[in-house]
């Protein structure tokens, strides 16, 4: 099977560094939803070496600054799915940077805990 991130259209890249690149998500959760992806094929976060992790997180920070300037969100969720049981559908590590906006859902309490909806509100 061909990896969509290993063969991504270079025109989609909005930011990059030595080990990673960023694109807007094709199925965004919110305006400005970005993915930060290592250039080399790595199945999930726990398989990445320290240099790659460092460069991924540096790019997450740059993406956040870019989103602040373009979209002015009031908050962010950052997420990584590791394994099918956690919802990973593309088996190439990627970090979701999801801008959040006041009122985008009725009650945002619990944030990323919402991956299991009954556990989100506590």
N, C-alpha and C. Protein backbone atom coordinates (compact mmCIF):
# COMPACT_ATOMS: atom_id res chain seq x y z
N UNK A 1 0.84 -1.17 0.00
CA UNK A 1 0.00 0.00 0.00
C UNK A 1 0.89 1.25 0.00
N UNK A 2 0.50 2.24 -0.74
CA UNK A 2 1.25 3.49 -0.83
C UNK A 2 0.89 4.41 0.32
N UNK A 3 1.89 5.00 0.95
CA UNK A 3 1.68 5.93 2.05
C UNK A 3 1.39 7.33 1.49
N UNK A 4 0.24 7.89 1.87
CA UNK A 4 -0.12 9.20 1.33
C UNK A 4 0.81 10.31 1.81
N UNK A 5 1.42 10.14 2.98
CA UNK A 5 2.32 11.18 3.47
C UNK A 5 3.73 11.06 2.88
N UNK A 6 4.12 9.86 2.48
CA UNK A 6 5.42 9.69 1.82
C UNK A 6 5.40 10.22 0.39
N UNK A 7 4.20 10.33 -0.16
CA UNK A 7 4.04 10.76 -1.55
C UNK A 7 3.18 12.01 -1.65
N UNK A 8 3.28 12.89 -0.67
CA UNK A 8 2.42 14.07 -0.63
C UNK A 8 2.80 15.07 -1.72
N UNK A 9 1.82 15.73 -2.25
CA UNK A 9 2.04 16.79 -3.25
C UNK A 9 2.80 17.93 -2.56
N UNK A 10 3.98 18.22 -3.02
CA UNK A 10 4.85 19.25 -2.40
C UNK A 10 4.17 20.62 -2.37
N UNK A 11 3.22 20.85 -3.27
CA UNK A 11 2.49 22.13 -3.31
C UNK A 11 1.65 22.34 -2.05
N UNK A 12 1.32 21.25 -1.36
CA UNK A 12 0.49 21.34 -0.15
C UNK A 12 1.28 21.79 1.07
N UNK A 13 2.60 21.69 1.02
CA UNK A 13 3.43 22.00 2.20
C UNK A 13 3.38 23.49 2.50
N UNK A 14 3.04 23.80 3.76
CA UNK A 14 2.93 25.21 4.16
C UNK A 14 4.10 25.66 5.03
N UNK A 15 4.73 24.73 5.73
CA UNK A 15 5.93 24.99 6.52
C UNK A 15 6.76 23.71 6.55
N UNK A 16 8.08 23.86 6.73
CA UNK A 16 8.90 22.66 6.87
C UNK A 16 10.22 23.01 7.55
N UNK A 17 10.88 21.96 8.03
CA UNK A 17 12.23 22.06 8.54
C UNK A 17 12.99 20.82 8.08
N UNK A 18 14.13 20.58 8.68
CA UNK A 18 15.01 19.50 8.25
C UNK A 18 14.33 18.12 8.24
N UNK A 19 13.52 17.85 9.24
CA UNK A 19 12.96 16.51 9.41
C UNK A 19 11.44 16.42 9.28
N UNK A 20 10.76 17.55 9.10
CA UNK A 20 9.30 17.52 9.13
C UNK A 20 8.71 18.57 8.20
N UNK A 21 7.43 18.38 7.89
CA UNK A 21 6.69 19.36 7.10
C UNK A 21 5.27 19.46 7.64
N UNK A 22 4.59 20.54 7.28
CA UNK A 22 3.22 20.75 7.72
C UNK A 22 2.32 21.02 6.52
N UNK A 23 1.10 20.52 6.63
CA UNK A 23 0.07 20.73 5.61
C UNK A 23 -1.25 21.01 6.33
N UNK A 24 -2.19 21.62 5.61
CA UNK A 24 -3.54 21.72 6.15
C UNK A 24 -4.20 20.36 6.01
N UNK A 25 -4.98 19.96 7.01
CA UNK A 25 -5.70 18.69 6.97
C UNK A 25 -6.75 18.75 5.87
N UNK A 26 -6.85 17.67 5.10
CA UNK A 26 -7.83 17.59 4.00
C UNK A 26 -9.26 17.49 4.56
N UNK A 27 -9.40 16.95 5.76
CA UNK A 27 -10.70 16.84 6.43
C UNK A 27 -10.63 17.59 7.76
N UNK A 28 -10.57 18.93 7.69
CA UNK A 28 -10.32 19.71 8.92
C UNK A 28 -11.46 19.64 9.93
N UNK A 29 -11.07 19.58 11.19
CA UNK A 29 -12.01 19.65 12.30
C UNK A 29 -12.42 21.11 12.52
N UNK A 30 -11.51 22.03 12.24
CA UNK A 30 -11.78 23.45 12.39
C UNK A 30 -10.94 24.22 11.37
N UNK A 31 -11.26 25.51 11.24
CA UNK A 31 -10.51 26.38 10.35
C UNK A 31 -9.05 26.45 10.80
N UNK A 32 -8.11 26.09 9.90
CA UNK A 32 -6.69 26.14 10.23
C UNK A 32 -6.11 24.84 10.74
N UNK A 33 -6.89 23.76 10.77
CA UNK A 33 -6.41 22.45 11.25
C UNK A 33 -5.23 22.01 10.39
N UNK A 34 -4.08 21.77 11.04
CA UNK A 34 -2.85 21.39 10.35
C UNK A 34 -2.34 20.05 10.84
N UNK A 35 -1.55 19.40 9.98
CA UNK A 35 -0.85 18.17 10.33
C UNK A 35 0.64 18.44 10.24
N UNK A 36 1.39 17.97 11.23
CA UNK A 36 2.85 18.06 11.21
C UNK A 36 3.35 16.63 11.07
N UNK A 37 4.16 16.40 10.04
CA UNK A 37 4.49 15.05 9.58
C UNK A 37 5.99 14.90 9.40
N UNK A 38 6.59 13.81 9.89
CA UNK A 38 8.03 13.61 9.63
C UNK A 38 8.25 13.28 8.14
N UNK A 39 9.38 13.72 7.62
CA UNK A 39 9.70 13.46 6.22
C UNK A 39 10.00 11.99 5.97
N UNK A 40 10.61 11.32 6.95
CA UNK A 40 10.86 9.89 6.77
C UNK A 40 9.66 9.11 7.31
N UNK A 41 9.42 7.95 6.74
CA UNK A 41 8.28 7.14 7.15
C UNK A 41 8.54 6.55 8.53
N UNK A 42 7.70 6.94 9.47
CA UNK A 42 7.74 6.44 10.84
C UNK A 42 6.30 6.08 11.18
N UNK A 43 6.09 4.86 11.65
CA UNK A 43 4.72 4.38 11.87
C UNK A 43 3.97 5.20 12.91
N UNK A 44 4.57 5.40 14.08
CA UNK A 44 3.89 6.20 15.10
C UNK A 44 4.89 6.93 15.99
N UNK A 45 4.38 7.77 16.83
CA UNK A 45 5.22 8.65 17.66
C UNK A 45 6.27 7.88 18.45
N UNK A 46 5.92 6.74 18.97
CA UNK A 46 6.83 5.99 19.84
C UNK A 46 7.99 5.35 19.07
N UNK A 47 7.90 5.33 17.76
CA UNK A 47 8.99 4.81 16.93
C UNK A 47 9.96 5.90 16.46
N UNK A 48 9.65 7.16 16.75
CA UNK A 48 10.48 8.28 16.28
C UNK A 48 11.71 8.47 17.17
N UNK A 49 12.83 8.86 16.55
CA UNK A 49 14.03 9.17 17.31
C UNK A 49 13.92 10.58 17.91
N UNK A 50 14.80 10.89 18.83
CA UNK A 50 14.73 12.17 19.56
C UNK A 50 14.88 13.38 18.64
N UNK A 51 15.77 13.31 17.64
CA UNK A 51 15.95 14.44 16.73
C UNK A 51 14.66 14.71 15.97
N UNK A 52 14.03 13.66 15.48
CA UNK A 52 12.78 13.83 14.74
C UNK A 52 11.71 14.43 15.64
N UNK A 53 11.59 13.91 16.87
CA UNK A 53 10.61 14.46 17.81
C UNK A 53 10.86 15.94 18.06
N UNK A 54 12.11 16.31 18.25
CA UNK A 54 12.46 17.72 18.48
C UNK A 54 12.03 18.59 17.31
N UNK A 55 12.33 18.14 16.09
CA UNK A 55 11.96 18.92 14.91
C UNK A 55 10.45 18.96 14.68
N UNK A 56 9.75 17.89 15.02
CA UNK A 56 8.29 17.89 14.92
C UNK A 56 7.70 18.95 15.85
N UNK A 57 8.16 18.97 17.10
CA UNK A 57 7.59 19.92 18.06
C UNK A 57 7.97 21.36 17.74
N UNK A 58 9.16 21.58 17.18
CA UNK A 58 9.53 22.94 16.74
C UNK A 58 8.56 23.41 15.65
N UNK A 59 8.22 22.49 14.75
CA UNK A 59 7.30 22.84 13.67
C UNK A 59 5.88 23.05 14.19
N UNK A 60 5.47 22.29 15.20
CA UNK A 60 4.16 22.52 15.82
C UNK A 60 4.10 23.96 16.34
N UNK A 61 5.17 24.41 16.99
CA UNK A 61 5.21 25.79 17.49
C UNK A 61 5.11 26.81 16.36
N UNK A 62 5.80 26.56 15.26
CA UNK A 62 5.73 27.47 14.11
C UNK A 62 4.33 27.48 13.51
N UNK A 63 3.71 26.32 13.44
CA UNK A 63 2.34 26.23 12.91
C UNK A 63 1.37 27.00 13.81
N UNK A 64 1.56 26.89 15.12
CA UNK A 64 0.71 27.62 16.06
C UNK A 64 0.84 29.12 15.84
N UNK A 65 2.07 29.59 15.67
CA UNK A 65 2.29 31.02 15.43
C UNK A 65 1.61 31.45 14.12
N UNK A 66 1.74 30.63 13.09
CA UNK A 66 1.11 30.93 11.81
C UNK A 66 -0.42 30.97 11.95
N UNK A 67 -0.98 29.99 12.65
CA UNK A 67 -2.43 29.95 12.85
C UNK A 67 -2.91 31.14 13.67
N UNK A 68 -2.13 31.53 14.68
CA UNK A 68 -2.48 32.73 15.46
C UNK A 68 -2.61 33.94 14.55
N UNK A 69 -1.65 34.10 13.65
CA UNK A 69 -1.62 35.26 12.75
C UNK A 69 -2.72 35.23 11.69
N UNK A 70 -3.04 34.05 11.19
CA UNK A 70 -4.02 33.95 10.10
C UNK A 70 -5.45 33.79 10.62
N UNK A 71 -5.65 32.94 11.63
CA UNK A 71 -6.99 32.54 12.04
C UNK A 71 -7.42 33.08 13.41
N UNK A 72 -6.47 33.50 14.26
CA UNK A 72 -6.73 34.05 15.59
C UNK A 72 -7.65 33.18 16.45
N UNK A 73 -7.32 31.89 16.61
CA UNK A 73 -8.15 31.05 17.47
C UNK A 73 -7.96 31.42 18.95
N UNK A 74 -8.88 30.96 19.78
CA UNK A 74 -8.77 31.22 21.21
C UNK A 74 -8.12 30.07 21.97
N UNK A 75 -7.87 28.95 21.30
CA UNK A 75 -7.25 27.80 21.95
C UNK A 75 -6.81 26.77 20.92
N UNK A 76 -6.24 25.68 21.40
CA UNK A 76 -5.75 24.61 20.52
C UNK A 76 -5.93 23.26 21.19
N UNK A 77 -6.15 22.25 20.38
CA UNK A 77 -5.97 20.86 20.79
C UNK A 77 -4.83 20.32 19.94
N UNK A 78 -3.98 19.53 20.56
CA UNK A 78 -2.87 18.87 19.87
C UNK A 78 -3.05 17.38 20.09
N UNK A 79 -3.03 16.61 19.00
CA UNK A 79 -3.27 15.19 19.17
C UNK A 79 -2.47 14.31 18.23
N UNK A 80 -2.16 13.12 18.73
CA UNK A 80 -1.46 12.10 17.95
C UNK A 80 -2.19 10.78 18.18
N UNK A 81 -2.62 10.13 17.10
CA UNK A 81 -3.24 8.81 17.20
C UNK A 81 -2.15 7.77 16.97
N UNK A 82 -2.01 6.84 17.89
CA UNK A 82 -1.00 5.79 17.79
C UNK A 82 -1.68 4.43 17.81
N UNK A 83 -1.80 3.82 16.65
CA UNK A 83 -2.42 2.51 16.53
C UNK A 83 -3.89 2.59 16.14
N UNK A 84 -4.35 1.53 15.50
CA UNK A 84 -5.74 1.48 15.04
C UNK A 84 -6.73 1.65 16.18
N UNK A 85 -6.45 1.07 17.35
CA UNK A 85 -7.38 1.17 18.49
C UNK A 85 -7.55 2.62 18.95
N UNK A 86 -6.55 3.47 18.65
CA UNK A 86 -6.61 4.88 19.01
C UNK A 86 -7.12 5.75 17.87
N UNK A 87 -7.51 5.12 16.76
CA UNK A 87 -8.07 5.86 15.65
C UNK A 87 -7.09 6.20 14.54
N UNK A 88 -5.86 5.71 14.61
CA UNK A 88 -4.90 5.99 13.55
C UNK A 88 -5.32 5.26 12.28
N UNK A 89 -5.51 6.02 11.20
CA UNK A 89 -5.91 5.43 9.92
C UNK A 89 -4.81 5.53 8.87
N UNK A 90 -3.91 6.49 9.02
CA UNK A 90 -2.73 6.59 8.15
C UNK A 90 -1.54 6.18 9.01
N UNK A 91 -0.91 5.09 8.64
CA UNK A 91 0.16 4.54 9.49
C UNK A 91 1.51 5.21 9.22
N UNK A 92 1.49 6.52 9.28
CA UNK A 92 2.67 7.38 9.19
C UNK A 92 2.42 8.46 10.24
N UNK A 93 3.31 8.57 11.20
CA UNK A 93 3.18 9.53 12.29
C UNK A 93 2.76 10.90 11.78
N UNK A 94 1.79 11.49 12.46
CA UNK A 94 1.41 12.88 12.19
C UNK A 94 0.78 13.46 13.44
N UNK A 95 1.04 14.73 13.67
CA UNK A 95 0.52 15.46 14.82
C UNK A 95 -0.55 16.42 14.31
N UNK A 96 -1.72 16.34 14.92
CA UNK A 96 -2.81 17.26 14.59
C UNK A 96 -2.69 18.51 15.46
N UNK A 97 -2.68 19.67 14.83
CA UNK A 97 -2.78 20.94 15.54
C UNK A 97 -4.15 21.50 15.15
N UNK A 98 -5.05 21.51 16.12
CA UNK A 98 -6.44 21.88 15.84
C UNK A 98 -6.78 23.19 16.55
N UNK A 99 -6.91 24.27 15.80
CA UNK A 99 -7.32 25.53 16.40
C UNK A 99 -8.75 25.41 16.95
N UNK A 100 -8.99 26.06 18.08
CA UNK A 100 -10.32 26.04 18.69
C UNK A 100 -10.83 27.46 18.84
N UNK A 101 -12.13 27.61 18.69
CA UNK A 101 -12.77 28.91 18.68
C UNK A 101 -13.89 28.94 19.70
N UNK A 102 -13.98 30.05 20.43
CA UNK A 102 -15.03 30.20 21.42
C UNK A 102 -16.38 29.91 20.76
N UNK A 103 -17.12 28.98 21.35
CA UNK A 103 -18.44 28.64 20.84
C UNK A 103 -18.45 27.57 19.76
N UNK A 104 -17.27 27.01 19.40
CA UNK A 104 -17.28 25.99 18.33
C UNK A 104 -18.00 24.71 18.76
N UNK A 105 -18.04 24.45 20.07
CA UNK A 105 -18.94 23.43 20.62
C UNK A 105 -19.55 24.03 21.89
N UNK A 106 -20.69 23.50 22.29
CA UNK A 106 -21.41 24.08 23.43
C UNK A 106 -20.58 24.10 24.70
N UNK A 107 -19.92 22.99 25.03
CA UNK A 107 -19.14 22.91 26.25
C UNK A 107 -17.83 22.20 25.95
N UNK A 108 -16.72 22.94 25.83
CA UNK A 108 -15.45 22.31 25.48
C UNK A 108 -14.75 21.59 26.63
N UNK A 109 -15.31 21.64 27.83
CA UNK A 109 -14.67 21.02 28.99
C UNK A 109 -14.27 19.58 28.69
N UNK A 110 -13.06 19.22 29.06
CA UNK A 110 -12.57 17.87 28.84
C UNK A 110 -11.66 17.76 27.63
N UNK A 111 -11.78 18.70 26.68
CA UNK A 111 -10.87 18.74 25.53
C UNK A 111 -10.61 17.40 24.89
N UNK A 112 -9.35 16.97 24.90
CA UNK A 112 -8.96 15.74 24.22
C UNK A 112 -9.56 14.50 24.87
N UNK A 113 -10.08 14.63 26.08
CA UNK A 113 -10.77 13.51 26.70
C UNK A 113 -11.99 13.10 25.86
N UNK A 114 -12.40 13.98 24.95
CA UNK A 114 -13.56 13.71 24.10
C UNK A 114 -13.36 12.57 23.13
N UNK A 115 -12.15 12.02 23.05
CA UNK A 115 -11.96 10.86 22.17
C UNK A 115 -12.82 9.69 22.65
N UNK A 116 -13.18 9.71 23.92
CA UNK A 116 -14.18 8.77 24.46
C UNK A 116 -15.29 9.67 25.02
N UNK A 117 -16.32 9.94 24.21
CA UNK A 117 -17.30 10.98 24.54
C UNK A 117 -17.89 10.90 25.95
N UNK A 118 -18.18 9.71 26.47
CA UNK A 118 -18.77 9.59 27.79
C UNK A 118 -17.81 9.98 28.91
N UNK A 119 -16.52 10.11 28.58
CA UNK A 119 -15.51 10.46 29.58
C UNK A 119 -15.10 11.93 29.50
N UNK A 120 -15.63 12.67 28.50
CA UNK A 120 -15.19 14.04 28.28
C UNK A 120 -15.60 14.97 29.42
N UNK A 121 -16.85 14.95 29.81
CA UNK A 121 -17.33 15.82 30.87
C UNK A 121 -17.14 15.12 32.21
N UNK A 122 -16.43 15.75 33.11
CA UNK A 122 -16.16 15.14 34.42
C UNK A 122 -16.39 16.13 35.53
